[in-house]
Amino acid sequence: MRYFIITCIFIASLTANDFEKSVKSVIDKSTNIMWQDDKEVTQYLENITFAKLYCEELVLNGYIDWKLPSIKQLQSILDVTQKAPTINQEFKYSSKNNYWSNTSFVTDEQNYWSVDFKTGITSNAEETNTYNVRCIREMR
């Protein structure tokens, strides 16, 4: 069974100063999270198992401590000031496909939450579906 849930997101407006573009990444200075932002985030489609593995093995900008973001982290980069919510303008790369989070669905742990940055819709899908992957690392 597949569930689709549209969530209303009330996030404090983030200014352009909260995000900083870097080489192959975007840094959210308000949360100290570095987001992967290269062509691979538009090209790499995988199921949840391999999405997690991809992030764990990612070496980008000299860092090896990448992981798959939570659903709240993915929602935090939505630009809700647009007519149709989309990804924050500091990100150069985004796909029309959903992006995996590491957050499983409460009533069915074989389903995971994802975000569609074209529409801003949050939904869940079976772990065997193939979606895009965008990794994060927490800056210390």
Foldseek 3Di string as FASTA:
>chain_A
DFDFDFDDDDDPADDPVQWDDDVQWIARNVQQKIKGADCQLAVAKFFQVVLQVCQQDDQDPNDNAKGFAAPVVVLNQWRPVDPFIAGHPSHPDDYQWWEWHPAADPVDRQKGWTAGRVRRGITIDGRGGITGHMIMDHHD
